[in-house]
Amino acid sequence: MTINVGVIDRIIRAALGVVLLYLAFISGLSLFAAPLFKFGAAVIGVVMLATSILKMCPIYSILGLKTCKDC
């Protein structure tokens, strides 16, 4: 597991993950009352938080991308 996600990328991913989880479970918006949108947002939110915490994105690995300067 090599690090391929930089600091700014991690911050954006973490913020996006938190927002998606908020929208899915707390916001009460009618769009997220539908199971497809609710659980879709939840899954994407968890993935965003996980890639932020682990500093590794599998899609970046496949494409050979890196957003970190020191790796």
Protein backbone atom coordinates (compact mmCIF):
# COMPACT_ATOMS: atom_id res chain seq x y z
CA MET A 1 0.00 0.00 0.00
CA THR A 2 1.79 3.10 -1.21
CA ILE A 3 0.73 6.61 -0.29
CA ASN A 4 -0.64 8.47 -3.29
CA VAL A 5 -3.03 11.06 -1.81
CA GLY A 6 -1.69 14.48 -0.81
CA VAL A 7 -2.73 16.75 2.03
CA ILE A 8 -5.11 19.00 0.09
CA ASP A 9 -6.66 15.98 -1.60
CA ARG A 10 -7.15 14.34 1.81
CA ILE A 11 -8.86 17.43 3.23
CA ILE A 12 -11.22 17.64 0.26
CA ARG A 13 -12.01 13.92 0.47
CA ALA A 14 -12.67 14.08 4.22
CA ALA A 15 -14.94 17.11 3.85
CA LEU A 16 -16.83 15.51 0.97
CA GLY A 17 -17.22 12.28 2.95
CA VAL A 18 -18.61 14.09 5.99
CA VAL A 19 -21.02 16.14 3.84
CA LEU A 20 -22.29 13.04 2.04
CA LEU A 21 -22.84 11.18 5.31
CA TYR A 22 -24.65 14.21 6.73
CA LEU A 23 -26.88 14.42 3.67
CA ALA A 24 -27.62 10.71 3.78
CA PHE A 25 -28.50 10.36 7.44
CA ILE A 26 -29.18 13.71 9.11
CA SER A 27 -30.30 16.31 6.57
CA GLY A 28 -33.85 15.05 6.04
CA LEU A 29 -33.89 16.23 2.42
CA SER A 30 -36.54 14.49 0.36
CA LEU A 31 -34.00 13.48 -2.31
CA PHE A 32 -32.12 11.39 0.23
CA ALA A 33 -35.29 9.69 1.46
CA ALA A 34 -35.05 7.33 -1.53
CA PRO A 35 -32.95 4.29 -0.61
CA LEU A 36 -30.80 4.49 -3.74
CA PHE A 37 -29.62 8.03 -3.02
CA LYS A 38 -29.38 7.52 0.72
CA PHE A 39 -27.21 4.41 0.63
CA GLY A 40 -25.32 5.59 -2.44
CA ALA A 41 -24.31 8.78 -0.65
CA ALA A 42 -23.44 6.78 2.47
CA VAL A 43 -21.21 4.35 0.59
CA ILE A 44 -19.43 7.10 -1.33
CA GLY A 45 -19.02 9.09 1.90
CA VAL A 46 -17.45 6.14 3.70
CA VAL A 47 -15.10 5.49 0.76
CA MET A 48 -14.05 9.15 0.71
CA LEU A 49 -13.32 9.08 4.44
CA ALA A 50 -11.44 5.79 4.17
CA THR A 51 -9.21 7.00 1.33
CA SER A 52 -8.56 10.18 3.30
CA ILE A 53 -7.55 8.28 6.43
CA LEU A 54 -5.48 5.62 4.63
CA LYS A 55 -3.79 8.17 2.30
CA MET A 56 -4.27 5.72 -0.55
CA CYS A 57 -6.71 5.73 -3.45
CA PRO A 58 -7.05 2.50 -5.46
CA ILE A 59 -8.18 4.39 -8.57
CA TYR A 60 -5.09 6.61 -8.39
CA SER A 61 -2.96 3.44 -8.13
CA ILE A 62 -4.56 1.95 -11.23
CA LEU A 63 -4.10 5.17 -13.21
CA GLY A 64 -0.61 5.85 -11.84
CA LEU A 65 -1.58 9.21 -10.31
CA LYS A 66 -0.16 10.82 -7.17
CA THR A 67 -1.20 14.06 -5.53
CA CYS A 68 1.42 14.03 -2.79
CA LYS A 69 4.71 15.85 -3.20
CA ASP A 70 6.90 13.68 -0.96
CA CYS A 71 5.98 10.23 -2.27
